[in-house]
Amino acid sequence: MYIRKSFLGAALLLCAAMSGCTHEAMLPTHLAQIRLDPSRYGDLMNRLDSAMKASGLSRYGAAPGLRELRGRDVLYVAYRMPSKKWAFITATDISKVGTVEMRVYSTVLTDGHLKEETMSRLDDVLAEFGSELKEQSTDPNPPKAN
């Protein structure tokens, strides 16, 4: 039993190290948190679907097994251009039921006009659900405070 746990721990550390070595890392440019009764998740998804579809973004779900991993139904969606590798938005309640954490990767959209329109649509949806975007630093090495 100890050997199996040790092997599993080593495998997880190796996976984490390998994913940290990738040349492509994407940091969120904006964050939002929505406190929402899970019975209203469908309303949020419908509004996001409509707003993001107008920008050419499609919704993608989580890989299978998330429910088994967390022991409950988990909201996880990503909105991205079908031709792009990176998501523009991810939204999940994986940390806590009733709290949807949204990460926005605005640098994924390179067309300035499209980015501006999409961010505006997203702001409108978030306002309907009592939230707003907070800008984040995308500098992976922020200056140290003295």
C-alpha atoms as a PDB file:
ATOM      1  CA  MET A   1       0.000   0.000   0.000  1.00  0.00           C
ATOM      2  CA  TYR A   2       2.832   2.404   0.897  1.00  0.00           C
ATOM      3  CA  ILE A   3       4.589   1.667  -2.394  1.00  0.00           C
ATOM      4  CA  ARG A   4       1.426   2.403  -4.375  1.00  0.00           C
ATOM      5  CA  LYS A   5       0.906   5.741  -2.580  1.00  0.00           C
ATOM      6  CA  SER A   6       4.563   6.640  -3.086  1.00  0.00           C
ATOM      7  CA  PHE A   7       4.363   5.784  -6.771  1.00  0.00           C
ATOM      8  CA  LEU A   8       1.155   7.792  -7.184  1.00  0.00           C
ATOM      9  CA  GLY A   9       2.709  10.763  -5.399  1.00  0.00           C
ATOM     10  CA  ALA A  10       5.822  10.561  -7.575  1.00  0.00           C
ATOM     11  CA  ALA A  11       3.694  10.338 -10.721  1.00  0.00           C
ATOM     12  CA  LEU A  12       1.689  13.412  -9.704  1.00  0.00           C
ATOM     13  CA  LEU A  13       4.868  15.367  -8.973  1.00  0.00           C
ATOM     14  CA  LEU A  14       6.312  14.358 -12.333  1.00  0.00           C
ATOM     15  CA  CYS A  15       3.139  15.478 -14.123  1.00  0.00           C
ATOM     16  CA  ALA A  16       3.184  18.803 -12.304  1.00  0.00           C
ATOM     17  CA  ALA A  17       6.838  19.326 -13.134  1.00  0.00           C
ATOM     18  CA  MET A  18       6.299  18.466 -16.785  1.00  0.00           C
ATOM     19  CA  SER A  19       3.347  20.822 -17.118  1.00  0.00           C
ATOM     20  CA  GLY A  20       5.385  23.571 -15.490  1.00  0.00           C
ATOM     21  CA  CYS A  21       8.113  23.168 -18.097  1.00  0.00           C
ATOM     22  CA  THR A  22       5.923  23.972 -21.046  1.00  0.00           C
ATOM     23  CA  HIS A  23       6.956  26.953 -23.128  1.00  0.00           C
ATOM     24  CA  GLU A  24       3.359  28.057 -23.463  1.00  0.00           C
ATOM     25  CA  ALA A  25       1.840  29.399 -20.280  1.00  0.00           C
ATOM     26  CA  MET A  26      -1.249  31.529 -20.148  1.00  0.00           C
ATOM     27  CA  LEU A  27      -2.148  33.730 -17.200  1.00  0.00           C
ATOM     28  CA  PRO A  28      -5.654  35.153 -16.762  1.00  0.00           C
ATOM     29  CA  THR A  29      -5.985  38.849 -17.482  1.00  0.00           C
ATOM     30  CA  HIS A  30      -9.254  39.224 -15.549  1.00  0.00           C
ATOM     31  CA  LEU A  31     -11.054  37.370 -12.763  1.00  0.00           C
ATOM     32  CA  ALA A  32     -14.655  37.363 -11.577  1.00  0.00           C
ATOM     33  CA  GLN A  33     -16.534  35.502  -8.891  1.00  0.00           C
ATOM     34  CA  ILE A  34     -20.273  34.911  -9.032  1.00  0.00           C
ATOM     35  CA  ARG A  35     -22.230  33.699  -6.024  1.00  0.00           C
ATOM     36  CA  LEU A  36     -25.141  31.823  -7.507  1.00  0.00           C
ATOM     37  CA  ASP A  37     -27.541  29.122  -6.431  1.00  0.00           C
ATOM     38  CA  PRO A  38     -26.673  25.996  -8.453  1.00  0.00           C
ATOM     39  CA  SER A  39     -30.277  25.849  -9.689  1.00  0.00           C
ATOM     40  CA  ARG A  40     -29.461  29.056 -11.646  1.00  0.00           C
ATOM     41  CA  TYR A  41     -26.296  27.738 -13.319  1.00  0.00           C
ATOM     42  CA  GLY A  42     -28.363  27.034 -16.436  1.00  0.00           C
ATOM     43  CA  ASP A  43     -29.403  30.694 -16.615  1.00  0.00           C
ATOM     44  CA  LEU A  44     -25.766  31.775 -16.427  1.00  0.00           C
ATOM     45  CA  MET A  45     -24.700  29.275 -19.095  1.00  0.00           C
ATOM     46  CA  ASN A  46     -27.534  30.347 -21.421  1.00  0.00           C
ATOM     47  CA  ARG A  47     -26.524  34.014 -21.125  1.00  0.00           C
ATOM     48  CA  LEU A  48     -22.831  33.200 -21.611  1.00  0.00           C
ATOM     49  CA  ASP A  49     -23.631  30.945 -24.579  1.00  0.00           C
ATOM     50  CA  SER A  50     -25.571  33.727 -26.252  1.00  0.00           C
ATOM     51  CA  ALA A  51     -22.996  36.442 -25.531  1.00  0.00           C
ATOM     52  CA  MET A  52     -19.982  34.368 -26.547  1.00  0.00           C
ATOM     53  CA  LYS A  53     -21.643  32.914 -29.658  1.00  0.00           C
ATOM     54  CA  ALA A  54     -22.037  36.487 -30.946  1.00  0.00           C
ATOM     55  CA  SER A  55     -18.217  36.686 -30.810  1.00  0.00           C
ATOM     56  CA  GLY A  56     -17.657  33.318 -32.496  1.00  0.00           C
ATOM     57  CA  LEU A  57     -16.742  31.479 -29.280  1.00  0.00           C
ATOM     58  CA  SER A  58     -18.033  27.984 -28.529  1.00  0.00           C
ATOM     59  CA  ARG A  59     -18.585  26.278 -25.173  1.00  0.00           C
ATOM     60  CA  TYR A  60     -16.521  23.236 -24.231  1.00  0.00           C
ATOM     61  CA  GLY A  61     -17.013  21.095 -21.137  1.00  0.00           C
ATOM     62  CA  ALA A  62     -14.601  19.365 -18.799  1.00  0.00           C
ATOM     63  CA  ALA A  63     -12.917  16.095 -19.595  1.00  0.00           C
ATOM     64  CA  PRO A  64     -14.754  13.033 -18.254  1.00  0.00           C
ATOM     65  CA  GLY A  65     -14.081  12.055 -14.657  1.00  0.00           C
ATOM     66  CA  LEU A  66     -14.436  15.418 -12.916  1.00  0.00           C
ATOM     67  CA  ARG A  67     -17.600  14.283 -11.123  1.00  0.00           C
ATOM     68  CA  GLU A  68     -15.860  11.173  -9.821  1.00  0.00           C
ATOM     69  CA  LEU A  69     -12.786  13.150  -8.798  1.00  0.00           C
ATOM     70  CA  ARG A  70     -14.744  15.682  -6.727  1.00  0.00           C
ATOM     71  CA  GLY A  71     -17.569  13.370  -5.625  1.00  0.00           C
ATOM     72  CA  ARG A  72     -20.237  15.777  -6.898  1.00  0.00           C
ATOM     73  CA  ASP A  73     -21.490  17.432 -10.046  1.00  0.00           C
ATOM     74  CA  VAL A  74     -19.030  20.168 -10.988  1.00  0.00           C
ATOM     75  CA  LEU A  75     -19.631  23.126 -13.257  1.00  0.00           C
ATOM     76  CA  TYR A  76     -16.711  23.543 -15.637  1.00  0.00           C
ATOM     77  CA  VAL A  77     -16.945  25.231 -19.011  1.00  0.00           C
ATOM     78  CA  ALA A  78     -14.513  26.925 -21.329  1.00  0.00           C
ATOM     79  CA  TYR A  79     -15.328  29.274 -24.186  1.00  0.00           C
ATOM     80  CA  ARG A  80     -12.881  29.422 -27.058  1.00  0.00           C
ATOM     81  CA  MET A  81     -12.596  29.847 -30.787  1.00  0.00           C
ATOM     82  CA  PRO A  82     -12.856  26.415 -32.402  1.00  0.00           C
ATOM     83  CA  SER A  83      -9.549  27.021 -34.189  1.00  0.00           C
ATOM     84  CA  LYS A  84      -7.684  28.175 -31.062  1.00  0.00           C
ATOM     85  CA  LYS A  85      -5.870  26.075 -28.475  1.00  0.00           C
ATOM     86  CA  TRP A  86      -6.460  28.407 -25.530  1.00  0.00           C
ATOM     87  CA  ALA A  87      -9.775  29.294 -23.935  1.00  0.00           C
ATOM     88  CA  PHE A  88     -10.938  32.887 -23.695  1.00  0.00           C
ATOM     89  CA  ILE A  89     -13.012  32.145 -20.570  1.00  0.00           C
ATOM     90  CA  THR A  90     -13.110  29.323 -18.050  1.00  0.00           C
ATOM     91  CA  ALA A  91     -15.858  29.138 -15.442  1.00  0.00           C
ATOM     92  CA  THR A  92     -16.028  26.577 -12.644  1.00  0.00           C
ATOM     93  CA  ASP A  93     -17.434  25.883  -9.195  1.00  0.00           C
ATOM     94  CA  ILE A  94     -14.785  23.264  -8.474  1.00  0.00           C
ATOM     95  CA  SER A  95     -13.683  25.031  -5.270  1.00  0.00           C
ATOM     96  CA  LYS A  96     -17.137  25.576  -3.781  1.00  0.00           C
ATOM     97  CA  VAL A  97     -20.698  24.856  -4.846  1.00  0.00           C
ATOM     98  CA  GLY A  98     -22.517  28.131  -5.415  1.00  0.00           C
ATOM     99  CA  THR A  99     -19.364  30.119  -6.180  1.00  0.00           C
ATOM    100  CA  VAL A 100     -18.497  30.274  -9.865  1.00  0.00           C
ATOM    101  CA  GLU A 101     -14.936  31.408 -10.452  1.00  0.00           C
ATOM    102  CA  MET A 102     -14.377  32.870 -13.879  1.00  0.00           C
ATOM    103  CA  ARG A 103     -10.977  33.415 -15.478  1.00  0.00           C
ATOM    104  CA  VAL A 104     -10.658  35.506 -18.627  1.00  0.00           C
ATOM    105  CA  TYR A 105      -7.653  35.243 -20.932  1.00  0.00           C
ATOM    106  CA  SER A 106      -8.237  38.322 -23.073  1.00  0.00           C
ATOM    107  CA  THR A 107      -4.866  38.018 -24.825  1.00  0.00           C
ATOM    108  CA  VAL A 108      -6.283  35.009 -26.684  1.00  0.00           C
ATOM    109  CA  LEU A 109      -8.325  37.378 -28.853  1.00  0.00           C
ATOM    110  CA  THR A 110      -5.852  39.240 -31.025  1.00  0.00           C
ATOM    111  CA  ASP A 111      -8.404  41.328 -32.952  1.00  0.00           C
ATOM    112  CA  GLY A 112      -8.791  44.498 -30.855  1.00  0.00           C
ATOM    113  CA  HIS A 113     -12.347  45.234 -32.008  1.00  0.00           C
ATOM    114  CA  LEU A 114     -13.516  41.661 -31.337  1.00  0.00           C
ATOM    115  CA  LYS A 115     -11.817  41.670 -27.927  1.00  0.00           C
ATOM    116  CA  GLU A 116     -13.494  44.956 -26.963  1.00  0.00           C
ATOM    117  CA  GLU A 117     -16.959  43.740 -28.038  1.00  0.00           C
ATOM    118  CA  THR A 118     -16.549  40.375 -26.314  1.00  0.00           C
ATOM    119  CA  MET A 119     -15.342  41.945 -23.068  1.00  0.00           C
ATOM    120  CA  SER A 120     -18.307  44.334 -23.169  1.00  0.00           C
ATOM    121  CA  ARG A 121     -20.755  41.450 -23.643  1.00  0.00           C
ATOM    122  CA  LEU A 122     -19.125  39.581 -20.776  1.00  0.00           C
ATOM    123  CA  ASP A 123     -19.359  42.669 -18.533  1.00  0.00           C
ATOM    124  CA  ASP A 124     -23.091  42.846 -19.292  1.00  0.00           C
ATOM    125  CA  VAL A 125     -23.633  39.172 -18.394  1.00  0.00           C
ATOM    126  CA  LEU A 126     -21.651  39.486 -15.171  1.00  0.00           C
ATOM    127  CA  ALA A 127     -23.590  42.615 -14.162  1.00  0.00           C
ATOM    128  CA  GLU A 128     -26.846  40.655 -14.535  1.00  0.00           C
ATOM    129  CA  PHE A 129     -25.508  38.165 -11.989  1.00  0.00           C
ATOM    130  CA  GLY A 130     -24.128  40.780  -9.590  1.00  0.00           C
ATOM    131  CA  SER A 131     -20.451  40.492 -10.444  1.00  0.00           C
ATOM    132  CA  GLU A 132     -17.743  42.312 -12.328  1.00  0.00           C
ATOM    133  CA  LEU A 133     -14.340  41.619 -13.819  1.00  0.00           C
ATOM    134  CA  LYS A 134     -11.221  42.490 -11.895  1.00  0.00           C
ATOM    135  CA  GLU A 135      -8.068  43.042 -13.935  1.00  0.00           C
ATOM    136  CA  GLN A 136      -5.050  40.890 -13.077  1.00  0.00           C
ATOM    137  CA  SER A 137      -1.370  41.342 -13.776  1.00  0.00           C
ATOM    138  CA  THR A 138      -0.180  39.111 -16.605  1.00  0.00           C
ATOM    139  CA  ASP A 139       3.481  39.611 -15.705  1.00  0.00           C
ATOM    140  CA  PRO A 140       4.782  36.182 -14.579  1.00  0.00           C
ATOM    141  CA  ASN A 141       7.578  37.958 -12.651  1.00  0.00           C
ATOM    142  CA  PRO A 142       6.039  41.041 -11.028  1.00  0.00           C
ATOM    143  CA  PRO A 143       8.451  43.530  -9.446  1.00  0.00           C
ATOM    144  CA  LYS A 144       9.188  42.914  -5.779  1.00  0.00           C
ATOM    145  CA  ALA A 145       7.985  45.447  -3.238  1.00  0.00           C
ATOM    146  CA  ASN A 146      10.710  47.062  -1.145  1.00  0.00           C
END
